[in-house]
Amino acid sequence: MSKKQKLKFYDIKAKQAFETDQYEVVEKQTARGPMMFAVAKSPYTGIKVYRLLGKKK
C-alpha cells in the first residue's frame, strides 16, 4: 500500500493553513456532477476541512 501524499488544507475558522497526509477521499454529488474531495480534521479547531481534488474520472 502506497503512502498518501501530503496535501495542504485551510481552516477557515482558525484562518490557518496546515499540511497533512491524514485524510480520506470522499465522493460528493454536485451540480457539475460527481466530485472527489479530501477530508481532514483540523489540528487548530478539530472541525472537518474539505479540499477539492477534482472531477471523478
N, C-alpha and C. Protein backbone atom coordinates (compact mmCIF):
# COMPACT_ATOMS: atom_id res chain seq x y z
N MET A 1 0.84 -1.18 0.00
CA MET A 1 0.00 0.00 0.00
C MET A 1 0.88 1.24 0.00
N SER A 2 0.64 2.14 -0.94
CA SER A 2 1.47 3.34 -1.04
C SER A 2 1.03 4.39 -0.01
N LYS A 3 2.00 5.17 0.43
CA LYS A 3 1.73 6.21 1.41
C LYS A 3 1.03 7.38 0.71
N LYS A 4 0.03 7.96 1.40
CA LYS A 4 -0.67 9.12 0.83
C LYS A 4 0.27 10.31 0.77
N GLN A 5 0.11 11.11 -0.27
CA GLN A 5 0.92 12.32 -0.35
C GLN A 5 0.32 13.38 0.56
N LYS A 6 1.17 14.27 1.05
CA LYS A 6 0.70 15.34 1.93
C LYS A 6 -0.05 16.37 1.09
N LEU A 7 -1.18 16.82 1.61
CA LEU A 7 -1.98 17.85 0.96
C LEU A 7 -2.11 19.05 1.89
N LYS A 8 -2.25 20.21 1.30
CA LYS A 8 -2.48 21.42 2.09
C LYS A 8 -3.98 21.63 2.24
N PHE A 9 -4.39 21.99 3.44
CA PHE A 9 -5.78 22.31 3.75
C PHE A 9 -5.80 23.69 4.40
N TYR A 10 -6.97 24.34 4.39
CA TYR A 10 -7.09 25.65 5.02
C TYR A 10 -8.28 25.63 5.96
N ASP A 11 -8.04 25.92 7.22
CA ASP A 11 -9.10 26.00 8.23
C ASP A 11 -9.62 27.44 8.23
N ILE A 12 -10.82 27.63 7.71
CA ILE A 12 -11.40 28.97 7.60
C ILE A 12 -11.67 29.56 8.98
N LYS A 13 -12.14 28.73 9.90
CA LYS A 13 -12.47 29.20 11.25
C LYS A 13 -11.23 29.74 11.97
N ALA A 14 -10.11 29.02 11.86
CA ALA A 14 -8.87 29.43 12.53
C ALA A 14 -8.02 30.37 11.66
N LYS A 15 -8.39 30.50 10.37
CA LYS A 15 -7.62 31.28 9.40
C LYS A 15 -6.17 30.82 9.34
N GLN A 16 -5.99 29.50 9.34
CA GLN A 16 -4.66 28.89 9.31
C GLN A 16 -4.63 27.77 8.28
N ALA A 17 -3.51 27.67 7.57
CA ALA A 17 -3.31 26.56 6.64
C ALA A 17 -2.50 25.48 7.35
N PHE A 18 -2.72 24.23 6.96
CA PHE A 18 -1.92 23.13 7.50
C PHE A 18 -1.76 22.07 6.44
N GLU A 19 -0.75 21.23 6.60
CA GLU A 19 -0.43 20.17 5.66
C GLU A 19 -0.52 18.84 6.40
N THR A 20 -1.16 17.85 5.79
CA THR A 20 -1.30 16.55 6.43
C THR A 20 -1.44 15.44 5.40
N ASP A 21 -1.12 14.22 5.83
CA ASP A 21 -1.41 13.04 5.00
C ASP A 21 -2.48 12.18 5.67
N GLN A 22 -3.09 12.72 6.73
CA GLN A 22 -4.17 12.04 7.45
C GLN A 22 -5.52 12.56 6.94
N TYR A 23 -5.97 12.01 5.82
CA TYR A 23 -7.24 12.43 5.24
C TYR A 23 -7.89 11.25 4.55
N GLU A 24 -9.17 11.39 4.26
CA GLU A 24 -9.86 10.36 3.48
C GLU A 24 -10.48 11.01 2.26
N VAL A 25 -10.57 10.25 1.19
CA VAL A 25 -11.13 10.75 -0.06
C VAL A 25 -12.59 10.33 -0.14
N VAL A 26 -13.47 11.32 -0.36
CA VAL A 26 -14.90 11.04 -0.47
C VAL A 26 -15.42 11.61 -1.79
N GLU A 27 -16.52 11.01 -2.25
CA GLU A 27 -17.16 11.47 -3.48
C GLU A 27 -18.46 12.15 -3.10
N LYS A 28 -18.69 13.34 -3.64
CA LYS A 28 -19.94 14.06 -3.37
C LYS A 28 -20.56 14.48 -4.68
N GLN A 29 -21.91 14.42 -4.72
CA GLN A 29 -22.65 14.87 -5.89
C GLN A 29 -22.74 16.38 -5.85
N THR A 30 -22.41 17.04 -6.94
CA THR A 30 -22.54 18.49 -7.04
C THR A 30 -23.37 18.80 -8.29
N ALA A 31 -23.68 20.07 -8.47
CA ALA A 31 -24.45 20.49 -9.64
C ALA A 31 -23.67 20.22 -10.93
N ARG A 32 -22.34 20.16 -10.83
CA ARG A 32 -21.49 19.91 -12.00
C ARG A 32 -21.13 18.44 -12.15
N GLY A 33 -21.78 17.57 -11.38
CA GLY A 33 -21.50 16.14 -11.45
C GLY A 33 -20.72 15.68 -10.23
N PRO A 34 -20.34 14.39 -10.19
CA PRO A 34 -19.62 13.86 -9.03
C PRO A 34 -18.20 14.43 -8.92
N MET A 35 -17.84 14.88 -7.72
CA MET A 35 -16.51 15.44 -7.46
C MET A 35 -15.85 14.67 -6.32
N MET A 36 -14.53 14.65 -6.34
CA MET A 36 -13.75 13.98 -5.30
C MET A 36 -13.19 15.04 -4.34
N PHE A 37 -13.36 14.80 -3.05
CA PHE A 37 -12.87 15.71 -2.02
C PHE A 37 -11.98 14.96 -1.05
N ALA A 38 -10.97 15.63 -0.52
CA ALA A 38 -10.17 15.10 0.58
C ALA A 38 -10.71 15.75 1.85
N VAL A 39 -10.94 14.93 2.89
CA VAL A 39 -11.50 15.42 4.16
C VAL A 39 -10.50 15.14 5.27
N ALA A 40 -10.11 16.20 5.99
CA ALA A 40 -9.16 16.07 7.09
C ALA A 40 -9.72 16.76 8.32
N LYS A 41 -9.17 16.44 9.48
CA LYS A 41 -9.56 17.09 10.73
C LYS A 41 -8.52 18.16 11.04
N SER A 42 -9.00 19.37 11.29
CA SER A 42 -8.09 20.49 11.56
C SER A 42 -7.42 20.34 12.93
N PRO A 43 -6.11 20.53 13.00
CA PRO A 43 -5.42 20.47 14.29
C PRO A 43 -5.69 21.71 15.14
N TYR A 44 -6.23 22.76 14.54
CA TYR A 44 -6.48 24.01 15.26
C TYR A 44 -7.85 24.03 15.94
N THR A 45 -8.89 23.62 15.19
CA THR A 45 -10.25 23.70 15.74
C THR A 45 -10.94 22.34 15.86
N GLY A 46 -10.39 21.31 15.23
CA GLY A 46 -10.99 19.98 15.29
C GLY A 46 -12.15 19.78 14.33
N ILE A 47 -12.43 20.77 13.48
CA ILE A 47 -13.54 20.62 12.53
C ILE A 47 -13.07 19.90 11.28
N LYS A 48 -14.04 19.37 10.52
CA LYS A 48 -13.72 18.72 9.25
C LYS A 48 -13.41 19.80 8.22
N VAL A 49 -12.32 19.60 7.49
CA VAL A 49 -11.89 20.55 6.46
C VAL A 49 -11.86 19.81 5.13
N TYR A 50 -12.48 20.39 4.11
CA TYR A 50 -12.57 19.76 2.79
C TYR A 50 -11.63 20.45 1.81
N ARG A 51 -11.07 19.64 0.90
CA ARG A 51 -10.27 20.17 -0.19
C ARG A 51 -10.72 19.47 -1.47
N LEU A 52 -10.99 20.23 -2.49
CA LEU A 52 -11.44 19.68 -3.77
C LEU A 52 -10.27 19.05 -4.49
N LEU A 53 -10.43 17.81 -4.89
CA LEU A 53 -9.39 17.10 -5.64
C LEU A 53 -9.65 17.12 -7.13
N GLY A 54 -10.92 17.16 -7.52
CA GLY A 54 -11.24 17.21 -8.94
C GLY A 54 -12.47 16.37 -9.26
N LYS A 55 -12.80 16.35 -10.53
CA LYS A 55 -13.94 15.59 -11.01
C LYS A 55 -13.65 14.09 -10.95
N LYS A 56 -14.67 13.30 -10.66
CA LYS A 56 -14.49 11.85 -10.64
C LYS A 56 -14.29 11.37 -12.06
N LYS A 57 -13.28 10.51 -12.24
CA LYS A 57 -12.98 10.00 -13.59
C LYS A 57 -13.69 8.72 -13.86
